[in-house]
Amino acid sequence: MAADCENGPATQQICEQNCASLLQSECAAEYGALLQCAEGEEVTCGPAGFPTVAACADEQDAFIACLN
């Protein structure tokens, strides 16, 4: 939420609901790995306006590949 990305969640409640849903999805393992990696790392806005964690590029790529 602190990064306030254009395409990020609009509210804390939506953010928490999205996280809970993703942890129950078919990509739960990839999402969990991304969350674990991102703990304590800086979240910024990527070129498309989505929250991103530069320190976790591999985990984020694996999560996105799973979603697609």
N, C-alpha and C. Protein backbone atom coordinates (compact mmCIF):
# COMPACT_ATOMS: atom_id res chain seq x y z
N MET A 1 0.82 -1.19 0.00
CA MET A 1 0.00 0.00 0.00
C MET A 1 0.87 1.26 0.00
N ALA A 2 2.01 1.22 0.66
CA ALA A 2 2.85 2.41 0.79
C ALA A 2 3.38 2.88 -0.56
N ALA A 3 3.58 1.96 -1.49
CA ALA A 3 4.09 2.36 -2.81
C ALA A 3 3.03 3.13 -3.60
N ASP A 4 1.76 2.94 -3.28
CA ASP A 4 0.65 3.64 -3.92
C ASP A 4 0.71 3.56 -5.45
N CYS A 5 0.83 2.34 -5.94
CA CYS A 5 0.94 2.12 -7.39
C CYS A 5 -0.42 2.32 -8.08
N GLU A 6 -0.36 2.82 -9.28
CA GLU A 6 -1.56 3.10 -10.08
C GLU A 6 -2.46 1.86 -10.22
N ASN A 7 -1.86 0.70 -10.43
CA ASN A 7 -2.64 -0.53 -10.61
C ASN A 7 -2.56 -1.46 -9.40
N GLY A 8 -2.19 -0.92 -8.26
CA GLY A 8 -2.16 -1.69 -7.03
C GLY A 8 -3.54 -1.69 -6.40
N PRO A 9 -3.70 -2.38 -5.27
CA PRO A 9 -5.01 -2.42 -4.60
C PRO A 9 -5.42 -1.03 -4.12
N ALA A 10 -6.71 -0.77 -4.17
CA ALA A 10 -7.24 0.55 -3.80
C ALA A 10 -7.27 0.77 -2.30
N THR A 11 -7.46 -0.30 -1.53
CA THR A 11 -7.55 -0.17 -0.07
C THR A 11 -6.80 -1.32 0.60
N GLN A 12 -6.52 -1.16 1.87
CA GLN A 12 -5.87 -2.21 2.66
C GLN A 12 -6.74 -3.46 2.69
N GLN A 13 -8.06 -3.28 2.82
CA GLN A 13 -8.98 -4.40 2.87
C GLN A 13 -8.93 -5.21 1.57
N ILE A 14 -8.93 -4.53 0.43
CA ILE A 14 -8.85 -5.21 -0.86
C ILE A 14 -7.51 -5.93 -0.99
N CYS A 15 -6.45 -5.30 -0.52
CA CYS A 15 -5.12 -5.91 -0.55
C CYS A 15 -5.12 -7.21 0.24
N GLU A 16 -5.67 -7.19 1.44
CA GLU A 16 -5.71 -8.38 2.29
C GLU A 16 -6.59 -9.47 1.68
N GLN A 17 -7.71 -9.09 1.08
CA GLN A 17 -8.59 -10.07 0.43
C GLN A 17 -7.88 -10.72 -0.76
N ASN A 18 -7.19 -9.91 -1.56
CA ASN A 18 -6.45 -10.44 -2.70
C ASN A 18 -5.38 -11.41 -2.25
N CYS A 19 -4.64 -11.05 -1.21
CA CYS A 19 -3.59 -11.93 -0.69
C CYS A 19 -4.17 -13.25 -0.21
N ALA A 20 -5.25 -13.20 0.52
CA ALA A 20 -5.88 -14.42 1.03
C ALA A 20 -6.35 -15.30 -0.12
N SER A 21 -6.92 -14.71 -1.14
CA SER A 21 -7.38 -15.47 -2.30
C SER A 21 -6.22 -16.12 -3.03
N LEU A 22 -5.14 -15.36 -3.22
CA LEU A 22 -3.98 -15.88 -3.94
C LEU A 22 -3.30 -17.02 -3.17
N LEU A 23 -3.35 -16.96 -1.85
CA LEU A 23 -2.77 -18.03 -1.04
C LEU A 23 -3.59 -19.31 -1.09
N GLN A 24 -4.79 -19.24 -1.64
CA GLN A 24 -5.66 -20.41 -1.80
C GLN A 24 -5.78 -20.82 -3.27
N SER A 25 -5.07 -20.13 -4.15
CA SER A 25 -5.20 -20.37 -5.58
C SER A 25 -4.25 -21.46 -6.06
N GLU A 26 -4.34 -21.79 -7.33
CA GLU A 26 -3.44 -22.79 -7.93
C GLU A 26 -2.00 -22.29 -7.98
N CYS A 27 -1.80 -21.00 -7.75
CA CYS A 27 -0.45 -20.41 -7.73
C CYS A 27 0.01 -20.09 -6.32
N ALA A 28 -0.56 -20.76 -5.34
CA ALA A 28 -0.26 -20.48 -3.93
C ALA A 28 1.22 -20.66 -3.61
N ALA A 29 1.86 -21.69 -4.14
CA ALA A 29 3.27 -21.93 -3.84
C ALA A 29 4.14 -20.80 -4.37
N GLU A 30 3.86 -20.38 -5.60
CA GLU A 30 4.64 -19.29 -6.20
C GLU A 30 4.38 -17.97 -5.48
N TYR A 31 3.13 -17.73 -5.11
CA TYR A 31 2.79 -16.50 -4.41
C TYR A 31 3.43 -16.49 -3.01
N GLY A 32 3.38 -17.63 -2.34
CA GLY A 32 4.00 -17.74 -1.02
C GLY A 32 5.50 -17.47 -1.08
N ALA A 33 6.16 -18.00 -2.10
CA ALA A 33 7.60 -17.76 -2.27
C ALA A 33 7.87 -16.28 -2.49
N LEU A 34 7.02 -15.63 -3.27
CA LEU A 34 7.18 -14.19 -3.50
C LEU A 34 6.99 -13.40 -2.20
N LEU A 35 5.97 -13.75 -1.44
CA LEU A 35 5.73 -13.05 -0.17
C LEU A 35 6.89 -13.24 0.79
N GLN A 36 7.40 -14.46 0.86
CA GLN A 36 8.52 -14.74 1.77
C GLN A 36 9.75 -13.94 1.36
N CYS A 37 10.03 -13.90 0.08
CA CYS A 37 11.18 -13.14 -0.42
C CYS A 37 11.00 -11.64 -0.15
N ALA A 38 9.79 -11.14 -0.32
CA ALA A 38 9.52 -9.71 -0.25
C ALA A 38 9.52 -9.16 1.18
N GLU A 39 9.47 -10.04 2.17
CA GLU A 39 9.44 -9.60 3.57
C GLU A 39 10.61 -8.66 3.86
N GLY A 40 10.30 -7.43 4.21
CA GLY A 40 11.31 -6.44 4.56
C GLY A 40 11.98 -5.74 3.39
N GLU A 41 11.60 -6.12 2.16
CA GLU A 41 12.19 -5.49 0.97
C GLU A 41 11.34 -4.30 0.52
N GLU A 42 11.95 -3.41 -0.25
CA GLU A 42 11.26 -2.24 -0.76
C GLU A 42 10.30 -2.62 -1.88
N VAL A 43 9.07 -2.12 -1.79
CA VAL A 43 8.07 -2.31 -2.83
C VAL A 43 7.99 -1.00 -3.61
N THR A 44 8.13 -1.12 -4.93
CA THR A 44 8.02 0.05 -5.80
C THR A 44 6.97 -0.25 -6.87
N CYS A 45 6.73 0.71 -7.73
CA CYS A 45 5.78 0.53 -8.82
C CYS A 45 6.54 0.20 -10.10
N GLY A 46 6.15 -0.90 -10.73
CA GLY A 46 6.77 -1.31 -11.98
C GLY A 46 6.27 -0.46 -13.13
N PRO A 47 6.81 -0.67 -14.32
CA PRO A 47 6.44 0.12 -15.50
C PRO A 47 4.95 0.10 -15.82
N ALA A 48 4.26 -1.00 -15.51
CA ALA A 48 2.83 -1.10 -15.79
C ALA A 48 1.97 -0.59 -14.63
N GLY A 49 2.61 -0.05 -13.57
CA GLY A 49 1.87 0.50 -12.45
C GLY A 49 1.47 -0.51 -11.40
N PHE A 50 2.04 -1.72 -11.46
CA PHE A 50 1.77 -2.74 -10.45
C PHE A 50 2.88 -2.75 -9.40
N PRO A 51 2.55 -3.08 -8.15
CA PRO A 51 3.59 -3.19 -7.13
C PRO A 51 4.61 -4.27 -7.53
N THR A 52 5.88 -3.99 -7.29
CA THR A 52 6.94 -4.93 -7.61
C THR A 52 8.03 -4.85 -6.55
N VAL A 53 8.77 -5.93 -6.40
CA VAL A 53 9.88 -5.99 -5.46
C VAL A 53 11.11 -6.38 -6.26
N ALA A 54 11.99 -5.43 -6.51
CA ALA A 54 13.16 -5.66 -7.35
C ALA A 54 14.03 -6.81 -6.84
N ALA A 55 14.11 -6.95 -5.52
CA ALA A 55 14.94 -8.00 -4.92
C ALA A 55 14.39 -9.40 -5.17
N CYS A 56 13.16 -9.48 -5.64
CA CYS A 56 12.50 -10.78 -5.82
C CYS A 56 12.05 -11.00 -7.25
N ALA A 57 12.84 -10.56 -8.20
CA ALA A 57 12.45 -10.65 -9.61
C ALA A 57 12.17 -12.09 -10.04
N ASP A 58 13.00 -13.03 -9.62
CA ASP A 58 12.80 -14.43 -10.02
C ASP A 58 11.49 -14.97 -9.46
N GLU A 59 11.22 -14.70 -8.21
CA GLU A 59 9.97 -15.17 -7.58
C GLU A 59 8.75 -14.50 -8.22
N GLN A 60 8.87 -13.22 -8.52
CA GLN A 60 7.76 -12.51 -9.15
C GLN A 60 7.52 -13.05 -10.56
N ASP A 61 8.59 -13.31 -11.31
CA ASP A 61 8.45 -13.87 -12.65
C ASP A 61 7.76 -15.25 -12.61
N ALA A 62 8.14 -16.08 -11.64
CA ALA A 62 7.53 -17.40 -11.50
C ALA A 62 6.05 -17.28 -11.16
N PHE A 63 5.71 -16.34 -10.30
CA PHE A 63 4.30 -16.12 -9.93
C PHE A 63 3.50 -15.65 -11.14
N ILE A 64 4.02 -14.70 -11.88
CA ILE A 64 3.32 -14.18 -13.06
C ILE A 64 3.16 -15.28 -14.11
N ALA A 65 4.19 -16.08 -14.30
CA ALA A 65 4.11 -17.18 -15.26
C ALA A 65 3.02 -18.15 -14.85
N CYS A 66 2.87 -18.41 -13.57
CA CYS A 66 1.83 -19.30 -13.08
C CYS A 66 0.44 -18.71 -13.37
N LEU A 67 0.28 -17.42 -13.16
CA LEU A 67 -1.01 -16.79 -13.40
C LEU A 67 -1.41 -16.82 -14.87
N ASN A 68 -0.39 -16.75 -15.72
CA ASN A 68 -0.68 -16.71 -17.17
C ASN A 68 -0.81 -18.12 -17.67
